[in-house]
Amino acid sequence: MPSLETLAPALHTDRLILRGHRAEDFDASAAMWADPDVVALISGKPSTKEQSWTRLLSYSGHWLHLGFGFWVVECKKTATFLGEVGFADRRRNTLPNLDGTPEAGWVFKTDAHGQGYATEAVTRMLEWADERLEYNQTSCIFDPEHSGSIKVAEKAGFSNKVLGTYGALETLFMWRTRKVG
């Protein structure tokens, strides 16, 4: 049986390792998703352990069925869990519709905020996507008040800001065109 680590390629930056999730990452991931400060501008509600477990399993499904998914972001020096970055196809009820476009996402523990980890990890995953994925565009969505993630997206090359909706919520949509060659 293939492990997620064999499905998700390990990516490296100067300070970080992006690698596939392991079952033993569950506690760190669940703690991050349960932190009210982390989720304040994502869902607004801390995740239960059940929701975090389902999320972890969906990461595996993305890699297995779509050839992309989420990575654990780990500090290269200390092997500390910092957060998660990657791509998903969540078939969300959005306007504009994102079906068929990998949606980039990232989330980091509170004590990892403000250190440039998100920009570093997102830039690396997009380099991987440009080399490996056949999609012309990737997208990302945010609460319009999530200035930190919007800055990361802009630094990583996302633009074309459009206000739309996700369910009943006003949502900011951004896109990035694939860089070839």
Protein backbone atom coordinates (compact mmCIF):
# COMPACT_ATOMS: atom_id res chain seq x y z
CA MET A 1 0.00 0.00 0.00
CA PRO A 2 1.56 3.34 -1.00
CA SER A 3 2.09 5.90 1.74
CA LEU A 4 1.21 9.53 1.31
CA GLU A 5 4.91 10.30 1.54
CA THR A 6 5.48 8.29 -1.64
CA LEU A 7 2.53 9.93 -3.41
CA ALA A 8 3.44 13.49 -2.39
CA PRO A 9 6.95 14.45 -3.48
CA ALA A 10 9.20 16.03 -0.87
CA LEU A 11 10.05 19.64 -1.71
CA HIS A 12 12.81 21.69 -0.11
CA THR A 13 13.59 25.35 0.45
CA ASP A 14 16.42 26.89 2.44
CA ARG A 15 14.47 26.61 5.69
CA LEU A 16 11.61 24.21 5.00
CA ILE A 17 10.68 20.70 3.97
CA LEU A 18 7.29 20.13 2.35
CA ARG A 19 6.39 16.45 2.64
CA GLY A 20 3.43 14.14 2.54
CA HIS A 21 1.34 13.72 5.66
CA ARG A 22 1.84 10.79 8.00
CA ALA A 23 -0.73 9.46 10.47
CA GLU A 24 1.50 10.75 13.27
CA ASP A 25 1.00 14.32 11.95
CA PHE A 26 -2.62 14.17 13.05
CA ASP A 27 -2.16 15.61 16.55
CA ALA A 28 -0.17 18.63 15.34
CA SER A 29 -2.56 19.25 12.44
CA ALA A 30 -5.65 18.88 14.64
CA ALA A 31 -4.20 21.25 17.25
CA MET A 32 -3.51 23.86 14.57
CA TRP A 33 -7.02 23.58 13.09
CA ALA A 34 -8.54 23.77 16.60
CA ASP A 35 -6.78 27.08 17.36
CA PRO A 36 -9.34 29.92 17.21
CA ASP A 37 -6.64 32.39 16.12
CA VAL A 38 -5.61 30.20 13.19
CA VAL A 39 -9.14 29.68 11.86
CA ALA A 40 -10.55 33.14 12.65
CA LEU A 41 -10.41 34.27 9.00
CA ILE A 42 -10.63 30.81 7.42
CA SER A 43 -13.79 29.18 8.73
CA GLY A 44 -14.33 31.20 11.88
CA LYS A 45 -14.86 27.97 13.82
CA PRO A 46 -12.20 25.68 15.30
CA SER A 47 -12.25 22.19 13.80
CA THR A 48 -13.18 19.15 15.82
CA LYS A 49 -10.85 16.15 15.85
CA GLU A 50 -13.31 14.39 13.54
CA GLN A 51 -13.17 17.25 11.02
CA SER A 52 -9.37 17.32 11.19
CA TRP A 53 -9.18 13.56 10.65
CA THR A 54 -11.47 13.85 7.61
CA ARG A 55 -9.29 16.67 6.27
CA LEU A 56 -6.14 14.56 6.71
CA LEU A 57 -7.77 11.69 4.81
CA SER A 58 -8.88 14.04 2.03
CA TYR A 59 -5.25 15.08 1.54
CA SER A 60 -4.45 11.43 0.71
CA GLY A 61 -7.40 11.20 -1.66
CA HIS A 62 -6.29 14.27 -3.57
CA TRP A 63 -2.80 12.84 -4.14
CA LEU A 64 -4.14 9.42 -5.08
CA HIS A 65 -6.88 10.55 -7.46
CA LEU A 66 -5.75 13.95 -8.76
CA GLY A 67 -1.95 13.95 -8.55
CA PHE A 68 -1.86 16.97 -6.26
CA GLY A 69 -2.75 17.72 -2.67
CA PHE A 70 -1.42 19.18 0.55
CA TRP A 71 1.98 18.90 2.19
CA VAL A 72 3.10 19.22 5.79
CA VAL A 73 5.45 22.18 6.17
CA GLU A 74 8.27 21.30 8.50
CA CYS A 75 11.19 23.37 9.78
CA LYS A 76 14.32 21.89 8.19
CA LYS A 77 16.48 22.61 11.23
CA THR A 78 14.16 21.28 13.97
CA ALA A 79 11.70 18.98 12.12
CA THR A 80 8.90 20.97 13.79
CA PHE A 81 5.42 20.94 12.23
CA LEU A 82 4.71 24.52 11.08
CA GLY A 83 1.61 24.16 8.93
CA GLU A 84 0.16 22.83 5.68
CA VAL A 85 0.20 24.05 2.08
CA GLY A 86 -1.06 22.60 -1.15
CA PHE A 87 -3.77 22.30 -3.76
CA ALA A 88 -7.29 20.94 -3.62
CA ASP A 89 -10.35 20.47 -5.77
CA ARG A 90 -13.13 20.89 -3.23
CA ARG A 91 -16.05 21.32 -5.63
CA ARG A 92 -17.15 24.30 -3.56
CA ASN A 93 -20.39 26.20 -4.08
CA THR A 94 -18.69 29.39 -5.30
CA LEU A 95 -19.42 32.22 -7.66
CA PRO A 96 -17.30 32.42 -9.70
CA ASN A 97 -17.06 28.67 -10.15
CA LEU A 98 -13.64 27.11 -9.50
CA ASP A 99 -14.34 23.61 -10.84
CA GLY A 100 -11.40 22.30 -12.82
CA THR A 101 -8.91 24.74 -11.30
CA PRO A 102 -6.61 23.58 -8.48
CA GLU A 103 -7.24 25.77 -5.46
CA ALA A 104 -4.10 26.73 -3.57
CA GLY A 105 -4.30 26.92 0.19
CA TRP A 106 -2.07 27.39 3.20
CA VAL A 107 -2.42 27.44 6.96
CA PHE A 108 0.23 27.84 9.65
CA LYS A 109 0.39 27.51 13.42
CA THR A 110 0.11 30.83 15.23
CA ASP A 111 3.73 30.76 16.38
CA ALA A 112 4.86 30.33 12.75
CA HIS A 113 3.09 33.50 11.56
CA GLY A 114 5.09 36.53 10.47
CA GLN A 115 8.32 34.69 9.68
CA GLY A 116 7.98 34.37 5.91
CA TYR A 117 7.28 30.62 6.03
CA ALA A 118 4.01 30.90 4.11
CA THR A 119 5.54 32.88 1.24
CA GLU A 120 8.51 30.50 1.09
CA ALA A 121 6.37 27.35 1.10
CA VAL A 122 3.72 28.68 -1.31
CA THR A 123 6.38 29.87 -3.76
CA ARG A 124 7.98 26.41 -3.72
CA MET A 125 4.69 24.53 -4.20
CA LEU A 126 3.83 26.80 -7.14
CA GLU A 127 7.20 26.09 -8.73
CA TRP A 128 6.39 22.40 -8.41
CA ALA A 129 2.92 22.98 -9.92
CA ASP A 130 4.37 24.90 -12.86
CA GLU A 131 6.67 21.96 -13.61
CA ARG A 132 4.26 19.08 -12.92
CA LEU A 133 0.63 20.10 -13.35
CA GLU A 134 -1.05 20.59 -16.71
CA TYR A 135 -3.45 23.30 -15.54
CA ASN A 136 -3.16 26.78 -17.03
CA GLN A 137 -4.28 28.45 -13.80
CA THR A 138 -4.47 27.94 -10.08
CA SER A 139 -6.82 29.83 -7.79
CA CYS A 140 -7.12 30.80 -4.15
CA ILE A 141 -9.95 32.20 -2.07
CA PHE A 142 -10.00 34.25 1.13
CA ASP A 143 -12.10 36.16 3.56
CA PRO A 144 -11.62 39.71 2.15
CA GLU A 145 -10.28 40.73 5.59
CA HIS A 146 -7.47 38.13 5.56
CA SER A 147 -4.73 40.64 4.71
CA GLY A 148 -1.86 38.31 5.67
CA SER A 149 -2.84 35.56 3.25
CA ILE A 150 -3.71 38.07 0.53
CA LYS A 151 -0.17 39.48 0.80
CA VAL A 152 1.28 35.97 0.54
CA ALA A 153 -0.85 35.31 -2.55
CA GLU A 154 0.27 38.55 -4.20
CA LYS A 155 3.96 37.83 -3.47
CA ALA A 156 3.49 34.36 -5.01
CA GLY A 157 2.02 35.79 -8.22
CA PHE A 158 -1.74 35.60 -7.66
CA SER A 159 -3.70 38.55 -9.05
CA ASN A 160 -7.01 39.24 -10.84
CA LYS A 161 -8.87 39.95 -7.59
CA VAL A 162 -12.61 39.38 -7.85
CA LEU A 163 -15.18 39.62 -5.06
CA GLY A 164 -17.65 36.75 -5.22
CA THR A 165 -19.35 34.34 -2.89
CA TYR A 166 -18.67 31.03 -1.21
CA GLY A 167 -22.06 29.83 -0.07
CA ALA A 168 -23.54 32.98 1.44
CA LEU A 169 -20.20 34.57 2.38
CA GLU A 170 -18.48 37.37 0.49
CA THR A 171 -15.19 35.91 -0.70
CA LEU A 172 -12.11 37.23 -2.47
CA PHE A 173 -10.97 35.14 -5.45
CA MET A 174 -7.50 35.36 -7.02
CA TRP A 175 -5.82 33.49 -9.89
CA ARG A 176 -2.29 32.76 -11.01
CA THR A 177 -1.30 31.79 -14.53
CA ARG A 178 1.07 28.86 -14.88
CA LYS A 179 4.66 29.82 -15.65
CA VAL A 180 6.07 27.56 -18.34
CA GLY A 181 9.78 27.17 -19.04
